[in-house]
Amino acid sequence: MALTEADVRQVALLARLGLSDEELSGLRGELNTILDYVEQLQELDLDDVEPTTHAVKLMNSTRPDEPVPSLPREQVLLNAPESRDGAFLVPRIVAPGQKGLGEGGAS
């Protein structure tokens, strides 16, 4: 099934693309080439082919999740612009009068 110029104009309209006549003609050829290839793929017998998501087998390259000693709290807080009671002090990000999470719902 080959796309007509009217088909490509309709797709361009739906995609909100402003195409010149020259661009429209080029796109029509490219889209028809893609559709021809899809038709070729549909002719293949893939009944015994297992579905895949990647061309090669992926390996998980993460390290084991093992606890390790961390820096002392006092040393970490040395890098904080402000701290209070052993914790980072951060600026409020909810505007006054709005409810933030934990204050009656999300905003």
PDB file of N, CA and C in Angstrom:
ATOM      1  N   MET A   1       0.845  -1.182   0.000  1.00  0.00           N
ATOM      2  CA  MET A   1       0.000   0.000   0.000  1.00  0.00           C
ATOM      3  C   MET A   1       0.889   1.242   0.000  1.00  0.00           C
ATOM      4  N   ALA A   2       0.875   1.973  -1.058  1.00  0.00           N
ATOM      5  CA  ALA A   2       1.693   3.184  -1.161  1.00  0.00           C
ATOM      6  C   ALA A   2       0.884   4.388  -0.674  1.00  0.00           C
ATOM      7  N   LEU A   3       1.578   5.259   0.021  1.00  0.00           N
ATOM      8  CA  LEU A   3       0.939   6.480   0.503  1.00  0.00           C
ATOM      9  C   LEU A   3       0.808   7.490  -0.630  1.00  0.00           C
ATOM     10  N   THR A   4      -0.314   8.164  -0.668  1.00  0.00           N
ATOM     11  CA  THR A   4      -0.507   9.230  -1.645  1.00  0.00           C
ATOM     12  C   THR A   4      -0.024  10.542  -1.039  1.00  0.00           C
ATOM     13  N   GLU A   5       0.057  11.553  -1.867  1.00  0.00           N
ATOM     14  CA  GLU A   5       0.443  12.873  -1.368  1.00  0.00           C
ATOM     15  C   GLU A   5      -0.577  13.370  -0.343  1.00  0.00           C
ATOM     16  N   ALA A   6      -1.847  13.059  -0.570  1.00  0.00           N
ATOM     17  CA  ALA A   6      -2.895  13.471   0.368  1.00  0.00           C
ATOM     18  C   ALA A   6      -2.707  12.783   1.721  1.00  0.00           C
ATOM     19  N   ASP A   7      -2.291  11.517   1.716  1.00  0.00           N
ATOM     20  CA  ASP A   7      -2.037  10.794   2.971  1.00  0.00           C
ATOM     21  C   ASP A   7      -0.924  11.478   3.768  1.00  0.00           C
ATOM     22  N   VAL A   8       0.149  11.818   3.071  1.00  0.00           N
ATOM     23  CA  VAL A   8       1.295  12.438   3.738  1.00  0.00           C
ATOM     24  C   VAL A   8       0.916  13.833   4.249  1.00  0.00           C
ATOM     25  N   ARG A   9       0.134  14.578   3.480  1.00  0.00           N
ATOM     26  CA  ARG A   9      -0.334  15.886   3.941  1.00  0.00           C
ATOM     27  C   ARG A   9      -1.166  15.741   5.222  1.00  0.00           C
ATOM     28  N   GLN A  10      -2.020  14.707   5.270  1.00  0.00           N
ATOM     29  CA  GLN A  10      -2.854  14.485   6.441  1.00  0.00           C
ATOM     30  C   GLN A  10      -2.003  14.139   7.665  1.00  0.00           C
ATOM     31  N   VAL A  11      -1.003  13.280   7.483  1.00  0.00           N
ATOM     32  CA  VAL A  11      -0.110  12.922   8.580  1.00  0.00           C
ATOM     33  C   VAL A  11       0.662  14.154   9.053  1.00  0.00           C
ATOM     34  N   ALA A  12       1.137  14.951   8.116  1.00  0.00           N
ATOM     35  CA  ALA A  12       1.868  16.172   8.469  1.00  0.00           C
ATOM     36  C   ALA A  12       0.961  17.129   9.235  1.00  0.00           C
ATOM     37  N   LEU A  13      -0.293  17.224   8.833  1.00  0.00           N
ATOM     38  CA  LEU A  13      -1.250  18.088   9.525  1.00  0.00           C
ATOM     39  C   LEU A  13      -1.468  17.595  10.953  1.00  0.00           C
ATOM     40  N   LEU A  14      -1.669  16.297  11.108  1.00  0.00           N
ATOM     41  CA  LEU A  14      -1.879  15.730  12.435  1.00  0.00           C
ATOM     42  C   LEU A  14      -0.660  15.912  13.339  1.00  0.00           C
ATOM     43  N   ALA A  15       0.534  15.862  12.740  1.00  0.00           N
ATOM     44  CA  ALA A  15       1.775  16.029  13.493  1.00  0.00           C
ATOM     45  C   ALA A  15       2.165  17.492  13.642  1.00  0.00           C
ATOM     46  N   ARG A  16       1.340  18.372  13.102  1.00  0.00           N
ATOM     47  CA  ARG A  16       1.593  19.820  13.161  1.00  0.00           C
ATOM     48  C   ARG A  16       2.928  20.184  12.521  1.00  0.00           C
ATOM     49  N   LEU A  17       3.188  19.552  11.359  1.00  0.00           N
ATOM     50  CA  LEU A  17       4.409  19.836  10.608  1.00  0.00           C
ATOM     51  C   LEU A  17       4.079  20.730   9.422  1.00  0.00           C
ATOM     52  N   GLY A  18       4.795  21.806   9.291  1.00  0.00           N
ATOM     53  CA  GLY A  18       4.645  22.667   8.131  1.00  0.00           C
ATOM     54  C   GLY A  18       5.673  22.255   7.094  1.00  0.00           C
ATOM     55  N   LEU A  19       5.246  21.525   6.069  1.00  0.00           N
ATOM     56  CA  LEU A  19       6.174  21.014   5.065  1.00  0.00           C
ATOM     57  C   LEU A  19       5.967  21.710   3.732  1.00  0.00           C
ATOM     58  N   SER A  20       7.084  21.994   3.076  1.00  0.00           N
ATOM     59  CA  SER A  20       7.000  22.530   1.712  1.00  0.00           C
ATOM     60  C   SER A  20       6.644  21.384   0.766  1.00  0.00           C
ATOM     61  N   ASP A  21       6.293  21.718  -0.468  1.00  0.00           N
ATOM     62  CA  ASP A  21       5.968  20.681  -1.452  1.00  0.00           C
ATOM     63  C   ASP A  21       7.153  19.753  -1.695  1.00  0.00           C
ATOM     64  N   GLU A  22       8.353  20.323  -1.684  1.00  0.00           N
ATOM     65  CA  GLU A  22       9.563  19.528  -1.893  1.00  0.00           C
ATOM     66  C   GLU A  22       9.779  18.568  -0.717  1.00  0.00           C
ATOM     67  N   GLU A  23       9.611  19.072   0.499  1.00  0.00           N
ATOM     68  CA  GLU A  23       9.765  18.223   1.688  1.00  0.00           C
ATOM     69  C   GLU A  23       8.686  17.135   1.704  1.00  0.00           C
ATOM     70  N   LEU A  24       7.491  17.498   1.307  1.00  0.00           N
ATOM     71  CA  LEU A  24       6.373  16.555   1.261  1.00  0.00           C
ATOM     72  C   LEU A  24       6.668  15.412   0.298  1.00  0.00           C
ATOM     73  N   SER A  25       7.206  15.748  -0.845  1.00  0.00           N
ATOM     74  CA  SER A  25       7.535  14.739  -1.848  1.00  0.00           C
ATOM     75  C   SER A  25       8.633  13.805  -1.337  1.00  0.00           C
ATOM     76  N   GLY A  26       9.658  14.377  -0.718  1.00  0.00           N
ATOM     77  CA  GLY A  26      10.751  13.561  -0.169  1.00  0.00           C
ATOM     78  C   GLY A  26      10.268  12.657   0.952  1.00  0.00           C
ATOM     79  N   LEU A  27       9.426  13.200   1.826  1.00  0.00           N
ATOM     80  CA  LEU A  27       8.900  12.428   2.938  1.00  0.00           C
ATOM     81  C   LEU A  27       8.009  11.291   2.443  1.00  0.00           C
ATOM     82  N   ARG A  28       7.249  11.551   1.404  1.00  0.00           N
ATOM     83  CA  ARG A  28       6.382  10.522   0.826  1.00  0.00           C
ATOM     84  C   ARG A  28       7.220   9.334   0.364  1.00  0.00           C
ATOM     85  N   GLY A  29       8.323   9.620  -0.320  1.00  0.00           N
ATOM     86  CA  GLY A  29       9.210   8.544  -0.777  1.00  0.00           C
ATOM     87  C   GLY A  29       9.803   7.765   0.390  1.00  0.00           C
ATOM     88  N   GLU A  30      10.253   8.476   1.431  1.00  0.00           N
ATOM     89  CA  GLU A  30      10.853   7.815   2.588  1.00  0.00           C
ATOM     90  C   GLU A  30       9.829   6.951   3.315  1.00  0.00           C
ATOM     91  N   LEU A  31       8.625   7.478   3.502  1.00  0.00           N
ATOM     92  CA  LEU A  31       7.584   6.713   4.192  1.00  0.00           C
ATOM     93  C   LEU A  31       7.177   5.483   3.392  1.00  0.00           C
ATOM     94  N   ASN A  32       7.090   5.604   2.085  1.00  0.00           N
ATOM     95  CA  ASN A  32       6.754   4.448   1.252  1.00  0.00           C
ATOM     96  C   ASN A  32       7.848   3.382   1.306  1.00  0.00           C
ATOM     97  N   THR A  33       9.100   3.802   1.380  1.00  0.00           N
ATOM     98  CA  THR A  33      10.205   2.848   1.525  1.00  0.00           C
ATOM     99  C   THR A  33      10.081   2.099   2.843  1.00  0.00           C
ATOM    100  N   ILE A  34       9.756   2.813   3.918  1.00  0.00           N
ATOM    101  CA  ILE A  34       9.582   2.182   5.234  1.00  0.00           C
ATOM    102  C   ILE A  34       8.422   1.193   5.198  1.00  0.00           C
ATOM    103  N   LEU A  35       7.300   1.594   4.600  1.00  0.00           N
ATOM    104  CA  LEU A  35       6.141   0.703   4.527  1.00  0.00           C
ATOM    105  C   LEU A  35       6.442  -0.535   3.684  1.00  0.00           C
ATOM    106  N   ASP A  36       7.211  -0.390   2.616  1.00  0.00           N
ATOM    107  CA  ASP A  36       7.608  -1.549   1.796  1.00  0.00           C
ATOM    108  C   ASP A  36       8.433  -2.524   2.636  1.00  0.00           C
ATOM    109  N   TYR A  37       9.333  -1.996   3.441  1.00  0.00           N
ATOM    110  CA  TYR A  37      10.174  -2.840   4.284  1.00  0.00           C
ATOM    111  C   TYR A  37       9.327  -3.575   5.326  1.00  0.00           C
ATOM    112  N   VAL A  38       8.358  -2.884   5.917  1.00  0.00           N
ATOM    113  CA  VAL A  38       7.469  -3.513   6.895  1.00  0.00           C
ATOM    114  C   VAL A  38       6.693  -4.647   6.234  1.00  0.00           C
ATOM    115  N   GLU A  39       6.230  -4.447   5.012  1.00  0.00           N
ATOM    116  CA  GLU A  39       5.526  -5.506   4.294  1.00  0.00           C
ATOM    117  C   GLU A  39       6.437  -6.721   4.094  1.00  0.00           C
ATOM    118  N   GLN A  40       7.721  -6.491   3.794  1.00  0.00           N
ATOM    119  CA  GLN A  40       8.666  -7.596   3.649  1.00  0.00           C
ATOM    120  C   GLN A  40       8.820  -8.344   4.967  1.00  0.00           C
ATOM    121  N   LEU A  41       8.896  -7.628   6.062  1.00  0.00           N
ATOM    122  CA  LEU A  41       9.049  -8.256   7.374  1.00  0.00           C
ATOM    123  C   LEU A  41       7.827  -9.081   7.745  1.00  0.00           C
ATOM    124  N   GLN A  42       6.646  -8.631   7.343  1.00  0.00           N
ATOM    125  CA  GLN A  42       5.428  -9.356   7.671  1.00  0.00           C
ATOM    126  C   GLN A  42       5.327 -10.688   6.936  1.00  0.00           C
ATOM    127  N   GLU A  43       6.083 -10.867   5.851  1.00  0.00           N
ATOM    128  CA  GLU A  43       6.074 -12.112   5.099  1.00  0.00           C
ATOM    129  C   GLU A  43       6.918 -13.195   5.762  1.00  0.00           C
ATOM    130  N   LEU A  44       7.750 -12.830   6.735  1.00  0.00           N
ATOM    131  CA  LEU A  44       8.641 -13.810   7.371  1.00  0.00           C
ATOM    132  C   LEU A  44       7.866 -14.738   8.294  1.00  0.00           C
ATOM    133  N   ASP A  45       8.284 -15.998   8.361  1.00  0.00           N
ATOM    134  CA  ASP A  45       7.704 -16.979   9.276  1.00  0.00           C
ATOM    135  C   ASP A  45       8.482 -16.889  10.593  1.00  0.00           C
ATOM    136  N   LEU A  46       7.870 -16.314  11.609  1.00  0.00           N
ATOM    137  CA  LEU A  46       8.539 -16.108  12.885  1.00  0.00           C
ATOM    138  C   LEU A  46       7.908 -16.919  14.012  1.00  0.00           C
ATOM    139  N   ASP A  47       7.195 -17.987  13.648  1.00  0.00           N
ATOM    140  CA  ASP A  47       6.501 -18.792  14.655  1.00  0.00           C
ATOM    141  C   ASP A  47       7.456 -19.397  15.686  1.00  0.00           C
ATOM    142  N   ASP A  48       8.634 -19.829  15.263  1.00  0.00           N
ATOM    143  CA  ASP A  48       9.578 -20.480  16.174  1.00  0.00           C
ATOM    144  C   ASP A  48      10.634 -19.523  16.716  1.00  0.00           C
ATOM    145  N   VAL A  49      10.463 -18.237  16.510  1.00  0.00           N
ATOM    146  CA  VAL A  49      11.437 -17.256  16.975  1.00  0.00           C
ATOM    147  C   VAL A  49      10.947 -16.668  18.292  1.00  0.00           C
ATOM    148  N   GLU A  50      11.787 -16.786  19.312  1.00  0.00           N
ATOM    149  CA  GLU A  50      11.427 -16.265  20.626  1.00  0.00           C
ATOM    150  C   GLU A  50      11.508 -14.732  20.609  1.00  0.00           C
ATOM    151  N   PRO A  51      10.497 -14.059  21.170  1.00  0.00           N
ATOM    152  CA  PRO A  51      10.538 -12.595  21.205  1.00  0.00           C
ATOM    153  C   PRO A  51      11.748 -12.099  22.007  1.00  0.00           C
ATOM    154  N   THR A  52      12.350 -11.014  21.536  1.00  0.00           N
ATOM    155  CA  THR A  52      13.496 -10.431  22.239  1.00  0.00           C
ATOM    156  C   THR A  52      13.319  -8.930  22.354  1.00  0.00           C
ATOM    157  N   THR A  53      14.016  -8.372  23.311  1.00  0.00           N
ATOM    158  CA  THR A  53      14.006  -6.919  23.453  1.00  0.00           C
ATOM    159  C   THR A  53      15.354  -6.320  23.088  1.00  0.00           C
ATOM    160  N   HIS A  54      16.395  -7.167  23.035  1.00  0.00           N
ATOM    161  CA  HIS A  54      17.731  -6.693  22.693  1.00  0.00           C
ATOM    162  C   HIS A  54      18.396  -7.691  21.745  1.00  0.00           C
ATOM    163  N   ALA A  55      19.292  -7.212  20.929  1.00  0.00           N
ATOM    164  CA  ALA A  55      19.975  -8.077  19.973  1.00  0.00           C
ATOM    165  C   ALA A  55      20.992  -8.983  20.667  1.00  0.00           C
ATOM    166  N   VAL A  56      21.552  -8.533  21.773  1.00  0.00           N
ATOM    167  CA  VAL A  56      22.522  -9.332  22.525  1.00  0.00           C
ATOM    168  C   VAL A  56      22.042  -9.463  23.960  1.00  0.00           C
ATOM    169  N   LYS A  57      22.470 -10.521  24.633  1.00  0.00           N
ATOM    170  CA  LYS A  57      22.068 -10.742  26.013  1.00  0.00           C
ATOM    171  C   LYS A  57      22.703  -9.677  26.907  1.00  0.00           C
ATOM    172  N   LEU A  58      21.884  -9.084  27.759  1.00  0.00           N
ATOM    173  CA  LEU A  58      22.386  -8.061  28.663  1.00  0.00           C
ATOM    174  C   LEU A  58      22.847  -8.686  29.968  1.00  0.00           C
ATOM    175  N   MET A  59      23.911  -8.154  30.507  1.00  0.00           N
ATOM    176  CA  MET A  59      24.428  -8.621  31.787  1.00  0.00           C
ATOM    177  C   MET A  59      24.285  -7.498  32.803  1.00  0.00           C
ATOM    178  N   ASN A  60      23.852  -7.849  34.004  1.00  0.00           N
ATOM    179  CA  ASN A  60      23.755  -6.865  35.069  1.00  0.00           C
ATOM    180  C   ASN A  60      25.162  -6.585  35.590  1.00  0.00           C
ATOM    181  N   SER A  61      25.581  -5.349  35.513  1.00  0.00           N
ATOM    182  CA  SER A  61      26.947  -5.015  35.894  1.00  0.00           C
ATOM    183  C   SER A  61      27.014  -4.267  37.228  1.00  0.00           C
ATOM    184  N   THR A  62      25.965  -4.394  38.039  1.00  0.00           N
ATOM    185  CA  THR A  62      25.994  -3.714  39.337  1.00  0.00           C
ATOM    186  C   THR A  62      26.765  -4.555  40.345  1.00  0.00           C
ATOM    187  N   ARG A  63      27.252  -3.907  41.353  1.00  0.00           N
ATOM    188  CA  ARG A  63      28.009  -4.600  42.394  1.00  0.00           C
ATOM    189  C   ARG A  63      27.040  -5.121  43.448  1.00  0.00           C
ATOM    190  N   PRO A  64      27.485  -6.065  44.264  1.00  0.00           N
ATOM    191  CA  PRO A  64      26.622  -6.548  45.339  1.00  0.00           C
ATOM    192  C   PRO A  64      26.307  -5.422  46.324  1.00  0.00           C
ATOM    193  N   ASP A  65      25.111  -5.452  46.878  1.00  0.00           N
ATOM    194  CA  ASP A  65      24.689  -4.438  47.832  1.00  0.00           C
ATOM    195  C   ASP A  65      25.117  -4.878  49.228  1.00  0.00           C
ATOM    196  N   GLU A  66      26.313  -4.463  49.603  1.00  0.00           N
ATOM    197  CA  GLU A  66      26.863  -4.845  50.895  1.00  0.00           C
ATOM    198  C   GLU A  66      27.127  -3.594  51.718  1.00  0.00           C
ATOM    199  N   PRO A  67      26.774  -3.632  52.996  1.00  0.00           N
ATOM    200  CA  PRO A  67      27.022  -2.456  53.845  1.00  0.00           C
ATOM    201  C   PRO A  67      28.515  -2.206  54.011  1.00  0.00           C
ATOM    202  N   VAL A  68      28.895  -0.939  53.961  1.00  0.00           N
ATOM    203  CA  VAL A  68      30.282  -0.536  54.187  1.00  0.00           C
ATOM    204  C   VAL A  68      30.273   0.630  55.160  1.00  0.00           C
ATOM    205  N   PRO A  69      31.358   0.834  55.861  1.00  0.00           N
ATOM    206  CA  PRO A  69      31.398   1.960  56.800  1.00  0.00           C
ATOM    207  C   PRO A  69      31.221   3.292  56.071  1.00  0.00           C
ATOM    208  N   SER A  70      30.497   4.200  56.687  1.00  0.00           N
ATOM    209  CA  SER A  70      30.308   5.512  56.082  1.00  0.00           C
ATOM    210  C   SER A  70      31.060   6.560  56.886  1.00  0.00           C
ATOM    211  N   LEU A  71      31.052   7.776  56.357  1.00  0.00           N
ATOM    212  CA  LEU A  71      31.733   8.872  57.041  1.00  0.00           C
ATOM    213  C   LEU A  71      30.986   9.224  58.328  1.00  0.00           C
ATOM    214  N   PRO A  72      31.694   9.723  59.323  1.00  0.00           N
ATOM    215  CA  PRO A  72      31.018  10.189  60.530  1.00  0.00           C
ATOM    216  C   PRO A  72      30.106  11.375  60.200  1.00  0.00           C
ATOM    217  N   ARG A  73      28.981  11.465  60.864  1.00  0.00           N
ATOM    218  CA  ARG A  73      27.996  12.516  60.612  1.00  0.00           C
ATOM    219  C   ARG A  73      28.621  13.910  60.687  1.00  0.00           C
ATOM    220  N   GLU A  74      29.469  14.131  61.651  1.00  0.00           N
ATOM    221  CA  GLU A  74      30.083  15.455  61.808  1.00  0.00           C
ATOM    222  C   GLU A  74      30.912  15.837  60.595  1.00  0.00           C
ATOM    223  N   GLN A  75      31.618  14.858  60.023  1.00  0.00           N
ATOM    224  CA  GLN A  75      32.441  15.127  58.839  1.00  0.00           C
ATOM    225  C   GLN A  75      31.563  15.431  57.625  1.00  0.00           C
ATOM    226  N   VAL A  76      30.458  14.736  57.478  1.00  0.00           N
ATOM    227  CA  VAL A  76      29.548  14.975  56.361  1.00  0.00           C
ATOM    228  C   VAL A  76      28.936  16.365  56.479  1.00  0.00           C
ATOM    229  N   LEU A  77      28.535  16.736  57.672  1.00  0.00           N
ATOM    230  CA  LEU A  77      27.886  18.030  57.881  1.00  0.00           C
ATOM    231  C   LEU A  77      28.836  19.211  57.718  1.00  0.00           C
ATOM    232  N   LEU A  78      30.145  18.947  57.682  1.00  0.00           N
ATOM    233  CA  LEU A  78      31.100  20.030  57.432  1.00  0.00           C
ATOM    234  C   LEU A  78      30.880  20.643  56.046  1.00  0.00           C
ATOM    235  N   ASN A  79      30.352  19.868  55.083  1.00  0.00           N
ATOM    236  CA  ASN A  79      30.122  20.350  53.723  1.00  0.00           C
ATOM    237  C   ASN A  79      28.769  21.031  53.557  1.00  0.00           C
ATOM    238  N   ALA A  80      27.927  20.959  54.571  1.00  0.00           N
ATOM    239  CA  ALA A  80      26.585  21.528  54.466  1.00  0.00           C
ATOM    240  C   ALA A  80      26.630  23.039  54.677  1.00  0.00           C
ATOM    241  N   PRO A  81      25.896  23.820  53.839  1.00  0.00           N
ATOM    242  CA  PRO A  81      25.833  25.256  54.070  1.00  0.00           C
ATOM    243  C   PRO A  81      25.222  25.578  55.441  1.00  0.00           C
ATOM    244  N   GLU A  82      24.210  24.792  55.823  1.00  0.00           N
ATOM    245  CA  GLU A  82      23.590  24.959  57.137  1.00  0.00           C
ATOM    246  C   GLU A  82      23.179  23.593  57.660  1.00  0.00           C
ATOM    247  N   SER A  83      23.269  23.423  58.990  1.00  0.00           N
ATOM    248  CA  SER A  83      22.801  22.186  59.606  1.00  0.00           C
ATOM    249  C   SER A  83      22.217  22.524  60.975  1.00  0.00           C
ATOM    250  N   ARG A  84      21.359  21.611  61.441  1.00  0.00           N
ATOM    251  CA  ARG A  84      20.762  21.788  62.763  1.00  0.00           C
ATOM    252  C   ARG A  84      20.459  20.402  63.331  1.00  0.00           C
ATOM    253  N   ASP A  85      20.808  20.184  64.580  1.00  0.00           N
ATOM    254  CA  ASP A  85      20.524  18.934  65.279  1.00  0.00           C
ATOM    255  C   ASP A  85      21.021  17.715  64.506  1.00  0.00           C
ATOM    256  N   GLY A  86      22.189  17.801  63.892  1.00  0.00           N
ATOM    257  CA  GLY A  86      22.784  16.671  63.196  1.00  0.00           C
ATOM    258  C   GLY A  86      22.190  16.363  61.836  1.00  0.00           C
ATOM    259  N   ALA A  87      21.459  17.317  61.235  1.00  0.00           N
ATOM    260  CA  ALA A  87      20.849  17.091  59.926  1.00  0.00           C
ATOM    261  C   ALA A  87      21.091  18.296  59.027  1.00  0.00           C
ATOM    262  N   PHE A  88      20.983  18.072  57.694  1.00  0.00           N
ATOM    263  CA  PHE A  88      21.079  19.171  56.745  1.00  0.00           C
ATOM    264  C   PHE A  88      19.873  20.084  56.919  1.00  0.00           C
ATOM    265  N   LEU A  89      20.082  21.360  56.839  1.00  0.00           N
ATOM    266  CA  LEU A  89      18.997  22.335  56.865  1.00  0.00           C
ATOM    267  C   LEU A  89      18.839  22.856  55.442  1.00  0.00           C
ATOM    268  N   VAL A  90      17.642  22.670  54.869  1.00  0.00           N
ATOM    269  CA  VAL A  90      17.402  23.060  53.477  1.00  0.00           C
ATOM    270  C   VAL A  90      16.306  24.104  53.429  1.00  0.00           C
ATOM    271  N   PRO A  91      16.295  24.949  52.379  1.00  0.00           N
ATOM    272  CA  PRO A  91      15.255  25.967  52.274  1.00  0.00           C
ATOM    273  C   PRO A  91      13.888  25.343  51.989  1.00  0.00           C
ATOM    274  N   ARG A  92      12.842  25.994  52.455  1.00  0.00           N
ATOM    275  CA  ARG A  92      11.482  25.542  52.210  1.00  0.00           C
ATOM    276  C   ARG A  92      11.186  25.701  50.718  1.00  0.00           C
ATOM    277  N   ILE A  93      10.550  24.688  50.119  1.00  0.00           N
ATOM    278  CA  ILE A  93      10.264  24.748  48.688  1.00  0.00           C
ATOM    279  C   ILE A  93       8.780  24.870  48.409  1.00  0.00           C
ATOM    280  N   VAL A  94       7.944  24.899  49.432  1.00  0.00           N
ATOM    281  CA  VAL A  94       6.508  25.084  49.264  1.00  0.00           C
ATOM    282  C   VAL A  94       6.203  26.528  49.628  1.00  0.00           C
ATOM    283  N   ALA A  95       5.505  27.223  48.756  1.00  0.00           N
ATOM    284  CA  ALA A  95       5.184  28.631  48.990  1.00  0.00           C
ATOM    285  C   ALA A  95       4.300  28.762  50.232  1.00  0.00           C
ATOM    286  N   PRO A  96       4.436  29.844  50.959  1.00  0.00           N
ATOM    287  CA  PRO A  96       3.593  30.057  52.132  1.00  0.00           C
ATOM    288  C   PRO A  96       2.111  29.986  51.751  1.00  0.00           C
ATOM    289  N   GLY A  97       1.323  29.316  52.570  1.00  0.00           N
ATOM    290  CA  GLY A  97      -0.097  29.174  52.306  1.00  0.00           C
ATOM    291  C   GLY A  97      -0.448  27.923  51.545  1.00  0.00           C
ATOM    292  N   GLN A  98       0.538  27.257  50.905  1.00  0.00           N
ATOM    293  CA  GLN A  98       0.275  25.998  50.202  1.00  0.00           C
ATOM    294  C   GLN A  98       0.582  24.858  51.148  1.00  0.00           C
ATOM    295  N   LYS A  99      -0.112  23.739  50.929  1.00  0.00           N
ATOM    296  CA  LYS A  99       0.126  22.556  51.732  1.00  0.00           C
ATOM    297  C   LYS A  99       1.135  21.678  51.008  1.00  0.00           C
ATOM    298  N   GLY A 100       2.182  21.268  51.703  1.00  0.00           N
ATOM    299  CA  GLY A 100       3.150  20.357  51.130  1.00  0.00           C
ATOM    300  C   GLY A 100       2.828  18.940  51.535  1.00  0.00           C
ATOM    301  N   LEU A 101       3.624  17.988  51.089  1.00  0.00           N
ATOM    302  CA  LEU A 101       3.426  16.605  51.475  1.00  0.00           C
ATOM    303  C   LEU A 101       3.577  16.498  52.981  1.00  0.00           C
ATOM    304  N   GLY A 102       2.705  15.731  53.597  1.00  0.00           N
ATOM    305  CA  GLY A 102       2.758  15.573  55.032  1.00  0.00           C
ATOM    306  C   GLY A 102       2.001  16.661  55.762  1.00  0.00           C
ATOM    307  N   GLU A 103       1.469  17.596  55.027  1.00  0.00           N
ATOM    308  CA  GLU A 103       0.708  18.698  55.629  1.00  0.00           C
ATOM    309  C   GLU A 103      -0.714  18.723  55.106  1.00  0.00           C
ATOM    310  N   GLY A 104      -1.264  17.566  54.781  1.00  0.00           N
ATOM    311  CA  GLY A 104      -2.636  17.528  54.317  1.00  0.00           C
ATOM    312  C   GLY A 104      -2.767  17.248  52.838  1.00  0.00           C
ATOM    313  N   GLY A 105      -1.711  16.851  52.158  1.00  0.00           N
ATOM    314  CA  GLY A 105      -1.828  16.474  50.745  1.00  0.00           C
ATOM    315  C   GLY A 105      -0.798  17.113  49.869  1.00  0.00           C
ATOM    316  N   ALA A 106      -0.695  16.587  48.667  1.00  0.00           N
ATOM    317  CA  ALA A 106       0.276  17.118  47.693  1.00  0.00           C
ATOM    318  C   ALA A 106      -0.267  18.363  47.032  1.00  0.00           C
ATOM    319  N   SER A 107       0.626  19.230  46.593  1.00  0.00           N
ATOM    320  CA  SER A 107       0.182  20.433  45.893  1.00  0.00           C
ATOM    321  C   SER A 107       0.596  20.410  44.467  1.00  0.00           C
TER     322      SER A 107
END
